[in-house]
Amino acid sequence: SRLNLSKKPIDFGPAVTDGAFRLELSPKQTIVTPLPDSPTFSITLKLERLPQFARRPPKKIIAVDPRGKELRKVKFRRDGKTIAFETRQGEFAYKILE
């Protein structure tokens, strides 16, 4: 197998990822929208860098279509300081809910 250096995660402050996305913050939810036609990639969000999760860590992540309809519940890993999950190609966005 060949080493893929383009898939090395990069730390962008509140997020560490090997993909590209827009992060929309609001008091009740956070929305992660990958760039169109993005391949599958991983996202780790640093909770201390996201003030809406300072008191309550997120409890659920759902994948949605462009109209906001739920496609699936997303499995994620959470420790005391971060949450991490994998996107899937073809999913429009991810709602991270408290």
PDB file of N, CA and C in Angstrom:
ATOM      1  N   SER A   1       0.836  -1.182   0.000  1.00  0.00           N
ATOM      2  CA  SER A   1       0.000   0.000   0.000  1.00  0.00           C
ATOM      3  C   SER A   1       0.879   1.243   0.000  1.00  0.00           C
ATOM      4  N   ARG A   2       0.365   2.308  -0.580  1.00  0.00           N
ATOM      5  CA  ARG A   2       1.127   3.549  -0.672  1.00  0.00           C
ATOM      6  C   ARG A   2       0.677   4.518   0.404  1.00  0.00           C
ATOM      7  N   LEU A   3       1.592   5.294   0.915  1.00  0.00           N
ATOM      8  CA  LEU A   3       1.292   6.304   1.922  1.00  0.00           C
ATOM      9  C   LEU A   3       0.632   7.495   1.245  1.00  0.00           C
ATOM     10  N   ASN A   4      -0.523   7.912   1.767  1.00  0.00           N
ATOM     11  CA  ASN A   4      -1.240   9.042   1.203  1.00  0.00           C
ATOM     12  C   ASN A   4      -1.009  10.258   2.091  1.00  0.00           C
ATOM     13  N   LEU A   5      -0.056  11.097   1.755  1.00  0.00           N
ATOM     14  CA  LEU A   5       0.273  12.259   2.572  1.00  0.00           C
ATOM     15  C   LEU A   5      -0.815  13.315   2.550  1.00  0.00           C
ATOM     16  N   SER A   6      -1.643  13.330   1.534  1.00  0.00           N
ATOM     17  CA  SER A   6      -2.710  14.332   1.461  1.00  0.00           C
ATOM     18  C   SER A   6      -3.798  14.080   2.497  1.00  0.00           C
ATOM     19  N   LYS A   7      -3.830  12.905   3.111  1.00  0.00           N
ATOM     20  CA  LYS A   7      -4.849  12.580   4.097  1.00  0.00           C
ATOM     21  C   LYS A   7      -4.363  12.818   5.529  1.00  0.00           C
ATOM     22  N   LYS A   8      -3.252  13.529   5.700  1.00  0.00           N
ATOM     23  CA  LYS A   8      -2.759  13.809   7.040  1.00  0.00           C
ATOM     24  C   LYS A   8      -3.657  14.859   7.697  1.00  0.00           C
ATOM     25  N   PRO A   9      -4.184  14.591   8.910  1.00  0.00           N
ATOM     26  CA  PRO A   9      -5.029  15.586   9.578  1.00  0.00           C
ATOM     27  C   PRO A   9      -4.268  16.880   9.864  1.00  0.00           C
ATOM     28  N   ILE A  10      -4.984  17.998   9.726  1.00  0.00           N
ATOM     29  CA  ILE A  10      -4.422  19.322   9.985  1.00  0.00           C
ATOM     30  C   ILE A  10      -5.223  19.967  11.102  1.00  0.00           C
ATOM     31  N   ASP A  11      -4.524  20.627  12.036  1.00  0.00           N
ATOM     32  CA  ASP A  11      -5.151  21.295  13.173  1.00  0.00           C
ATOM     33  C   ASP A  11      -5.503  22.728  12.780  1.00  0.00           C
ATOM     34  N   PHE A  12      -6.801  23.039  12.790  1.00  0.00           N
ATOM     35  CA  PHE A  12      -7.276  24.374  12.443  1.00  0.00           C
ATOM     36  C   PHE A  12      -7.782  25.143  13.668  1.00  0.00           C
ATOM     37  N   GLY A  13      -7.334  24.796  14.859  1.00  0.00           N
ATOM     38  CA  GLY A  13      -7.792  25.465  16.080  1.00  0.00           C
ATOM     39  C   GLY A  13      -8.923  24.686  16.718  1.00  0.00           C
ATOM     40  N   PRO A  14     -10.197  25.015  16.382  1.00  0.00           N
ATOM     41  CA  PRO A  14     -11.293  24.263  16.981  1.00  0.00           C
ATOM     42  C   PRO A  14     -11.503  22.877  16.369  1.00  0.00           C
ATOM     43  N   ALA A  15     -10.855  22.609  15.231  1.00  0.00           N
ATOM     44  CA  ALA A  15     -11.048  21.332  14.539  1.00  0.00           C
ATOM     45  C   ALA A  15      -9.717  20.775  14.036  1.00  0.00           C
ATOM     46  N   VAL A  16      -9.651  19.439  14.027  1.00  0.00           N
ATOM     47  CA  VAL A  16      -8.550  18.723  13.389  1.00  0.00           C
ATOM     48  C   VAL A  16      -9.212  17.827  12.342  1.00  0.00           C
ATOM     49  N   THR A  17      -8.760  17.923  11.084  1.00  0.00           N
ATOM     50  CA  THR A  17      -9.432  17.182  10.019  1.00  0.00           C
ATOM     51  C   THR A  17      -8.481  16.888   8.864  1.00  0.00           C
ATOM     52  N   ASP A  18      -8.851  15.888   8.090  1.00  0.00           N
ATOM     53  CA  ASP A  18      -8.154  15.595   6.843  1.00  0.00           C
ATOM     54  C   ASP A  18      -9.077  15.888   5.655  1.00  0.00           C
ATOM     55  N   GLY A  19     -10.083  16.740   5.893  1.00  0.00           N
ATOM     56  CA  GLY A  19     -11.025  17.146   4.858  1.00  0.00           C
ATOM     57  C   GLY A  19     -11.248  18.642   4.910  1.00  0.00           C
ATOM     58  N   ALA A  20     -12.295  19.102   4.221  1.00  0.00           N
ATOM     59  CA  ALA A  20     -12.627  20.529   4.193  1.00  0.00           C
ATOM     60  C   ALA A  20     -14.122  20.686   4.434  1.00  0.00           C
ATOM     61  N   PHE A  21     -14.478  21.631   5.303  1.00  0.00           N
ATOM     62  CA  PHE A  21     -15.880  21.834   5.649  1.00  0.00           C
ATOM     63  C   PHE A  21     -16.105  23.235   6.185  1.00  0.00           C
ATOM     64  N   ARG A  22     -17.386  23.623   6.212  1.00  0.00           N
ATOM     65  CA  ARG A  22     -17.817  24.880   6.850  1.00  0.00           C
ATOM     66  C   ARG A  22     -18.407  24.509   8.209  1.00  0.00           C
ATOM     67  N   LEU A  23     -18.119  25.311   9.220  1.00  0.00           N
ATOM     68  CA  LEU A  23     -18.605  25.077  10.582  1.00  0.00           C
ATOM     69  C   LEU A  23     -19.512  26.241  10.965  1.00  0.00           C
ATOM     70  N   GLU A  24     -20.802  25.948  11.210  1.00  0.00           N
ATOM     71  CA  GLU A  24     -21.772  26.961  11.624  1.00  0.00           C
ATOM     72  C   GLU A  24     -22.113  26.726  13.087  1.00  0.00           C
ATOM     73  N   LEU A  25     -21.941  27.761  13.915  1.00  0.00           N
ATOM     74  CA  LEU A  25     -22.162  27.640  15.349  1.00  0.00           C
ATOM     75  C   LEU A  25     -23.423  28.380  15.765  1.00  0.00           C
ATOM     76  N   SER A  26     -24.234  27.744  16.619  1.00  0.00           N
ATOM     77  CA  SER A  26     -25.386  28.404  17.231  1.00  0.00           C
ATOM     78  C   SER A  26     -25.559  27.798  18.625  1.00  0.00           C
ATOM     79  N   PRO A  27     -26.372  28.433  19.485  1.00  0.00           N
ATOM     80  CA  PRO A  27     -26.487  27.933  20.861  1.00  0.00           C
ATOM     81  C   PRO A  27     -27.011  26.499  20.979  1.00  0.00           C
ATOM     82  N   LYS A  28     -27.901  26.062  20.107  1.00  0.00           N
ATOM     83  CA  LYS A  28     -28.520  24.739  20.249  1.00  0.00           C
ATOM     84  C   LYS A  28     -27.904  23.652  19.376  1.00  0.00           C
ATOM     85  N   GLN A  29     -27.208  24.037  18.330  1.00  0.00           N
ATOM     86  CA  GLN A  29     -26.626  23.038  17.434  1.00  0.00           C
ATOM     87  C   GLN A  29     -25.432  23.621  16.709  1.00  0.00           C
ATOM     88  N   THR A  30     -24.610  22.724  16.216  1.00  0.00           N
ATOM     89  CA  THR A  30     -23.489  23.087  15.366  1.00  0.00           C
ATOM     90  C   THR A  30     -23.679  22.310  14.072  1.00  0.00           C
ATOM     91  N   ILE A  31     -23.453  22.960  12.942  1.00  0.00           N
ATOM     92  CA  ILE A  31     -23.619  22.285  11.657  1.00  0.00           C
ATOM     93  C   ILE A  31     -22.280  22.241  10.934  1.00  0.00           C
ATOM     94  N   VAL A  32     -21.887  21.041  10.537  1.00  0.00           N
ATOM     95  CA  VAL A  32     -20.678  20.806   9.757  1.00  0.00           C
ATOM     96  C   VAL A  32     -21.132  20.468   8.345  1.00  0.00           C
ATOM     97  N   THR A  33     -20.699  21.278   7.366  1.00  0.00           N
ATOM     98  CA  THR A  33     -21.071  21.053   5.971  1.00  0.00           C
ATOM     99  C   THR A  33     -19.805  20.819   5.150  1.00  0.00           C
ATOM    100  N   PRO A  34     -19.555  19.571   4.751  1.00  0.00           N
ATOM    101  CA  PRO A  34     -18.392  19.305   3.903  1.00  0.00           C
ATOM    102  C   PRO A  34     -18.504  20.012   2.563  1.00  0.00           C
ATOM    103  N   LEU A  35     -17.369  20.292   1.947  1.00  0.00           N
ATOM    104  CA  LEU A  35     -17.395  20.835   0.594  1.00  0.00           C
ATOM    105  C   LEU A  35     -18.093  19.839  -0.325  1.00  0.00           C
ATOM    106  N   PRO A  36     -18.809  20.330  -1.345  1.00  0.00           N
ATOM    107  CA  PRO A  36     -19.507  19.412  -2.253  1.00  0.00           C
ATOM    108  C   PRO A  36     -18.560  18.378  -2.857  1.00  0.00           C
ATOM    109  N   ASP A  37     -19.058  17.166  -2.991  1.00  0.00           N
ATOM    110  CA  ASP A  37     -18.325  16.050  -3.593  1.00  0.00           C
ATOM    111  C   ASP A  37     -17.070  15.652  -2.823  1.00  0.00           C
ATOM    112  N   SER A  38     -17.017  15.980  -1.536  1.00  0.00           N
ATOM    113  CA  SER A  38     -15.865  15.577  -0.715  1.00  0.00           C
ATOM    114  C   SER A  38     -15.865  14.068  -0.503  1.00  0.00           C
ATOM    115  N   PRO A  39     -14.691  13.464  -0.503  1.00  0.00           N
ATOM    116  CA  PRO A  39     -14.618  12.058  -0.119  1.00  0.00           C
ATOM    117  C   PRO A  39     -14.828  11.946   1.396  1.00  0.00           C
ATOM    118  N   THR A  40     -14.952  10.732   1.879  1.00  0.00           N
ATOM    119  CA  THR A  40     -15.066  10.488   3.317  1.00  0.00           C
ATOM    120  C   THR A  40     -13.826  11.040   4.023  1.00  0.00           C
ATOM    121  N   PHE A  41     -14.044  11.689   5.182  1.00  0.00           N
ATOM    122  CA  PHE A  41     -12.915  12.189   5.971  1.00  0.00           C
ATOM    123  C   PHE A  41     -13.294  12.246   7.448  1.00  0.00           C
ATOM    124  N   SER A  42     -12.300  12.442   8.289  1.00  0.00           N
ATOM    125  CA  SER A  42     -12.538  12.483   9.737  1.00  0.00           C
ATOM    126  C   SER A  42     -12.501  13.919  10.248  1.00  0.00           C
ATOM    127  N   ILE A  43     -13.252  14.142  11.327  1.00  0.00           N
ATOM    128  CA  ILE A  43     -13.306  15.447  11.994  1.00  0.00           C
ATOM    129  C   ILE A  43     -13.190  15.213  13.491  1.00  0.00           C
ATOM    130  N   THR A  44     -12.313  15.950  14.140  1.00  0.00           N
ATOM    131  CA  THR A  44     -12.252  15.995  15.601  1.00  0.00           C
ATOM    132  C   THR A  44     -12.467  17.444  16.002  1.00  0.00           C
ATOM    133  N   LEU A  45     -13.479  17.684  16.828  1.00  0.00           N
ATOM    134  CA  LEU A  45     -13.772  19.033  17.306  1.00  0.00           C
ATOM    135  C   LEU A  45     -13.328  19.158  18.753  1.00  0.00           C
ATOM    136  N   LYS A  46     -12.649  20.249  19.062  1.00  0.00           N
ATOM    137  CA  LYS A  46     -12.171  20.515  20.422  1.00  0.00           C
ATOM    138  C   LYS A  46     -13.255  21.287  21.171  1.00  0.00           C
ATOM    139  N   LEU A  47     -13.848  20.652  22.157  1.00  0.00           N
ATOM    140  CA  LEU A  47     -14.993  21.222  22.844  1.00  0.00           C
ATOM    141  C   LEU A  47     -14.666  22.536  23.547  1.00  0.00           C
ATOM    142  N   GLU A  48     -13.456  22.671  24.088  1.00  0.00           N
ATOM    143  CA  GLU A  48     -13.111  23.914  24.794  1.00  0.00           C
ATOM    144  C   GLU A  48     -13.007  25.102  23.832  1.00  0.00           C
ATOM    145  N   ARG A  49     -12.867  24.838  22.538  1.00  0.00           N
ATOM    146  CA  ARG A  49     -12.784  25.902  21.536  1.00  0.00           C
ATOM    147  C   ARG A  49     -14.157  26.249  20.944  1.00  0.00           C
ATOM    148  N   LEU A  50     -15.192  25.522  21.380  1.00  0.00           N
ATOM    149  CA  LEU A  50     -16.556  25.747  20.892  1.00  0.00           C
ATOM    150  C   LEU A  50     -17.433  26.132  22.082  1.00  0.00           C
ATOM    151  N   PRO A  51     -17.650  27.434  22.297  1.00  0.00           N
ATOM    152  CA  PRO A  51     -18.316  27.900  23.520  1.00  0.00           C
ATOM    153  C   PRO A  51     -19.709  27.327  23.760  1.00  0.00           C
ATOM    154  N   GLN A  52     -20.432  26.968  22.709  1.00  0.00           N
ATOM    155  CA  GLN A  52     -21.772  26.430  22.902  1.00  0.00           C
ATOM    156  C   GLN A  52     -21.752  25.081  23.611  1.00  0.00           C
ATOM    157  N   PHE A  53     -20.596  24.409  23.635  1.00  0.00           N
ATOM    158  CA  PHE A  53     -20.489  23.118  24.308  1.00  0.00           C
ATOM    159  C   PHE A  53     -19.707  23.201  25.616  1.00  0.00           C
ATOM    160  N   ALA A  54     -19.470  24.414  26.106  1.00  0.00           N
ATOM    161  CA  ALA A  54     -18.677  24.584  27.327  1.00  0.00           C
ATOM    162  C   ALA A  54     -19.355  23.935  28.532  1.00  0.00           C
ATOM    163  N   ARG A  55     -20.669  24.056  28.634  1.00  0.00           N
ATOM    164  CA  ARG A  55     -21.390  23.493  29.786  1.00  0.00           C
ATOM    165  C   ARG A  55     -21.972  22.121  29.512  1.00  0.00           C
ATOM    166  N   ARG A  56     -22.404  21.908  28.269  1.00  0.00           N
ATOM    167  CA  ARG A  56     -23.039  20.636  27.915  1.00  0.00           C
ATOM    168  C   ARG A  56     -22.376  20.062  26.669  1.00  0.00           C
ATOM    169  N   PRO A  57     -21.738  18.914  26.789  1.00  0.00           N
ATOM    170  CA  PRO A  57     -21.151  18.314  25.584  1.00  0.00           C
ATOM    171  C   PRO A  57     -22.254  17.806  24.649  1.00  0.00           C
ATOM    172  N   PRO A  58     -21.964  17.725  23.368  1.00  0.00           N
ATOM    173  CA  PRO A  58     -22.963  17.221  22.424  1.00  0.00           C
ATOM    174  C   PRO A  58     -23.343  15.780  22.745  1.00  0.00           C
ATOM    175  N   LYS A  59     -24.609  15.466  22.476  1.00  0.00           N
ATOM    176  CA  LYS A  59     -25.116  14.128  22.772  1.00  0.00           C
ATOM    177  C   LYS A  59     -25.463  13.334  21.511  1.00  0.00           C
ATOM    178  N   LYS A  60     -25.626  14.036  20.383  1.00  0.00           N
ATOM    179  CA  LYS A  60     -26.084  13.342  19.176  1.00  0.00           C
ATOM    180  C   LYS A  60     -25.554  14.068  17.949  1.00  0.00           C
ATOM    181  N   ILE A  61     -25.213  13.287  16.921  1.00  0.00           N
ATOM    182  CA  ILE A  61     -24.856  13.829  15.610  1.00  0.00           C
ATOM    183  C   ILE A  61     -25.730  13.117  14.589  1.00  0.00           C
ATOM    184  N   ILE A  62     -26.357  13.903  13.708  1.00  0.00           N
ATOM    185  CA  ILE A  62     -27.152  13.305  12.640  1.00  0.00           C
ATOM    186  C   ILE A  62     -26.665  13.828  11.294  1.00  0.00           C
ATOM    187  N   ALA A  63     -26.652  12.945  10.318  1.00  0.00           N
ATOM    188  CA  ALA A  63     -26.366  13.325   8.932  1.00  0.00           C
ATOM    189  C   ALA A  63     -27.695  13.762   8.322  1.00  0.00           C
ATOM    190  N   VAL A  64     -27.651  14.849   7.521  1.00  0.00           N
ATOM    191  CA  VAL A  64     -28.871  15.366   6.901  1.00  0.00           C
ATOM    192  C   VAL A  64     -28.669  15.595   5.404  1.00  0.00           C
ATOM    193  N   ASP A  65     -29.796  15.607   4.702  1.00  0.00           N
ATOM    194  CA  ASP A  65     -29.765  15.934   3.276  1.00  0.00           C
ATOM    195  C   ASP A  65     -29.877  17.458   3.122  1.00  0.00           C
ATOM    196  N   PRO A  66     -29.855  17.991   1.888  1.00  0.00           N
ATOM    197  CA  PRO A  66     -29.904  19.453   1.705  1.00  0.00           C
ATOM    198  C   PRO A  66     -31.150  20.126   2.285  1.00  0.00           C
ATOM    199  N   ARG A  67     -32.229  19.374   2.472  1.00  0.00           N
ATOM    200  CA  ARG A  67     -33.461  19.945   3.054  1.00  0.00           C
ATOM    201  C   ARG A  67     -33.496  19.828   4.578  1.00  0.00           C
ATOM    202  N   GLY A  68     -32.466  19.217   5.162  1.00  0.00           N
ATOM    203  CA  GLY A  68     -32.421  19.050   6.612  1.00  0.00           C
ATOM    204  C   GLY A  68     -33.037  17.763   7.119  1.00  0.00           C
ATOM    205  N   LYS A  69     -33.471  16.892   6.202  1.00  0.00           N
ATOM    206  CA  LYS A  69     -34.065  15.611   6.594  1.00  0.00           C
ATOM    207  C   LYS A  69     -32.975  14.678   7.102  1.00  0.00           C
ATOM    208  N   GLU A  70     -33.249  14.011   8.225  1.00  0.00           N
ATOM    209  CA  GLU A  70     -32.270  13.098   8.811  1.00  0.00           C
ATOM    210  C   GLU A  70     -32.053  11.881   7.918  1.00  0.00           C
ATOM    211  N   LEU A  71     -30.769  11.590   7.651  1.00  0.00           N
ATOM    212  CA  LEU A  71     -30.397  10.411   6.878  1.00  0.00           C
ATOM    213  C   LEU A  71     -29.984   9.256   7.781  1.00  0.00           C
ATOM    214  N   ARG A  72     -29.255   9.582   8.858  1.00  0.00           N
ATOM    215  CA  ARG A  72     -28.801   8.545   9.788  1.00  0.00           C
ATOM    216  C   ARG A  72     -28.250   9.215  11.043  1.00  0.00           C
ATOM    217  N   LYS A  73     -28.205   8.431  12.103  1.00  0.00           N
ATOM    218  CA  LYS A  73     -27.500   8.847  13.310  1.00  0.00           C
ATOM    219  C   LYS A  73     -26.031   8.496  13.112  1.00  0.00           C
ATOM    220  N   VAL A  74     -25.147   9.408  13.439  1.00  0.00           N
ATOM    221  CA  VAL A  74     -23.721   9.234  13.201  1.00  0.00           C
ATOM    222  C   VAL A  74     -23.053   8.765  14.488  1.00  0.00           C
ATOM    223  N   LYS A  75     -22.302   7.677  14.396  1.00  0.00           N
ATOM    224  CA  LYS A  75     -21.519   7.220  15.547  1.00  0.00           C
ATOM    225  C   LYS A  75     -20.355   8.177  15.741  1.00  0.00           C
ATOM    226  N   PHE A  76     -20.078   8.519  16.998  1.00  0.00           N
ATOM    227  CA  PHE A  76     -18.955   9.407  17.273  1.00  0.00           C
ATOM    228  C   PHE A  76     -18.277   8.994  18.575  1.00  0.00           C
ATOM    229  N   ARG A  77     -17.037   9.427  18.697  1.00  0.00           N
ATOM    230  CA  ARG A  77     -16.258   9.170  19.904  1.00  0.00           C
ATOM    231  C   ARG A  77     -16.170  10.468  20.687  1.00  0.00           C
ATOM    232  N   ARG A  78     -16.349  10.377  21.987  1.00  0.00           N
ATOM    233  CA  ARG A  78     -16.258  11.569  22.818  1.00  0.00           C
ATOM    234  C   ARG A  78     -15.395  11.253  24.026  1.00  0.00           C
ATOM    235  N   ASP A  79     -14.410  12.105  24.273  1.00  0.00           N
ATOM    236  CA  ASP A  79     -13.694  12.039  25.535  1.00  0.00           C
ATOM    237  C   ASP A  79     -14.001  13.358  26.240  1.00  0.00           C
ATOM    238  N   GLY A  80     -13.335  13.687  27.263  1.00  0.00           N
ATOM    239  CA  GLY A  80     -13.654  14.906  27.992  1.00  0.00           C
ATOM    240  C   GLY A  80     -13.418  16.187  27.224  1.00  0.00           C
ATOM    241  N   LYS A  81     -12.570  16.151  26.198  1.00  0.00           N
ATOM    242  CA  LYS A  81     -12.168  17.385  25.522  1.00  0.00           C
ATOM    243  C   LYS A  81     -12.522  17.447  24.043  1.00  0.00           C
ATOM    244  N   THR A  82     -12.853  16.314  23.434  1.00  0.00           N
ATOM    245  CA  THR A  82     -13.119  16.304  21.991  1.00  0.00           C
ATOM    246  C   THR A  82     -14.281  15.386  21.635  1.00  0.00           C
ATOM    247  N   ILE A  83     -14.827  15.605  20.434  1.00  0.00           N
ATOM    248  CA  ILE A  83     -15.701  14.634  19.782  1.00  0.00           C
ATOM    249  C   ILE A  83     -15.105  14.384  18.399  1.00  0.00           C
ATOM    250  N   ALA A  84     -15.235  13.159  17.922  1.00  0.00           N
ATOM    251  CA  ALA A  84     -14.665  12.803  16.623  1.00  0.00           C
ATOM    252  C   ALA A  84     -15.649  11.909  15.871  1.00  0.00           C
ATOM    253  N   PHE A  85     -15.734  12.136  14.555  1.00  0.00           N
ATOM    254  CA  PHE A  85     -16.592  11.304  13.721  1.00  0.00           C
ATOM    255  C   PHE A  85     -16.077  11.298  12.290  1.00  0.00           C
ATOM    256  N   GLU A  86     -16.648  10.389  11.499  1.00  0.00           N
ATOM    257  CA  GLU A  86     -16.298  10.253  10.082  1.00  0.00           C
ATOM    258  C   GLU A  86     -17.479  10.711   9.241  1.00  0.00           C
ATOM    259  N   THR A  87     -17.187  11.490   8.207  1.00  0.00           N
ATOM    260  CA  THR A  87     -18.219  11.847   7.241  1.00  0.00           C
ATOM    261  C   THR A  87     -18.385  10.684   6.264  1.00  0.00           C
ATOM    262  N   ARG A  88     -19.414  10.758   5.441  1.00  0.00           N
ATOM    263  CA  ARG A  88     -19.600   9.809   4.347  1.00  0.00           C
ATOM    264  C   ARG A  88     -19.825  10.609   3.075  1.00  0.00           C
ATOM    265  N   GLN A  89     -19.206  10.154   2.017  1.00  0.00           N
ATOM    266  CA  GLN A  89     -19.398  10.814   0.730  1.00  0.00           C
ATOM    267  C   GLN A  89     -20.876  10.799   0.380  1.00  0.00           C
ATOM    268  N   GLY A  90     -21.393  11.925  -0.108  1.00  0.00           N
ATOM    269  CA  GLY A  90     -22.790  12.009  -0.515  1.00  0.00           C
ATOM    270  C   GLY A  90     -23.717  12.562   0.556  1.00  0.00           C
ATOM    271  N   GLU A  91     -23.277  12.645   1.809  1.00  0.00           N
ATOM    272  CA  GLU A  91     -24.114  13.246   2.851  1.00  0.00           C
ATOM    273  C   GLU A  91     -23.879  14.756   2.837  1.00  0.00           C
ATOM    274  N   PHE A  92     -24.953  15.531   2.932  1.00  0.00           N
ATOM    275  CA  PHE A  92     -24.859  16.980   2.765  1.00  0.00           C
ATOM    276  C   PHE A  92     -24.222  17.682   3.960  1.00  0.00           C
ATOM    277  N   ALA A  93     -24.706  17.362   5.174  1.00  0.00           N
ATOM    278  CA  ALA A  93     -24.220  18.059   6.363  1.00  0.00           C
ATOM    279  C   ALA A  93     -24.440  17.188   7.602  1.00  0.00           C
ATOM    280  N   TYR A  94     -23.893  17.669   8.726  1.00  0.00           N
ATOM    281  CA  TYR A  94     -23.971  16.967  10.005  1.00  0.00           C
ATOM    282  C   TYR A  94     -24.406  17.956  11.074  1.00  0.00           C
ATOM    283  N   LYS A  95     -25.494  17.636  11.767  1.00  0.00           N
ATOM    284  CA  LYS A  95     -25.955  18.457  12.877  1.00  0.00           C
ATOM    285  C   LYS A  95     -25.449  17.843  14.171  1.00  0.00           C
ATOM    286  N   ILE A  96     -24.755  18.644  14.951  1.00  0.00           N
ATOM    287  CA  ILE A  96     -24.247  18.198  16.241  1.00  0.00           C
ATOM    288  C   ILE A  96     -25.135  18.846  17.294  1.00  0.00           C
ATOM    289  N   LEU A  97     -25.839  18.019  18.041  1.00  0.00           N
ATOM    290  CA  LEU A  97     -26.883  18.486  18.949  1.00  0.00           C
ATOM    291  C   LEU A  97     -26.518  18.210  20.402  1.00  0.00           C
ATOM    292  N   GLU A  98     -26.976  19.114  21.291  1.00  0.00           N
ATOM    293  CA  GLU A  98     -26.736  18.890  22.724  1.00  0.00           C
ATOM    294  C   GLU A  98     -27.834  18.059  23.321  1.00  0.00           C
TER     295      GLU A  98
END
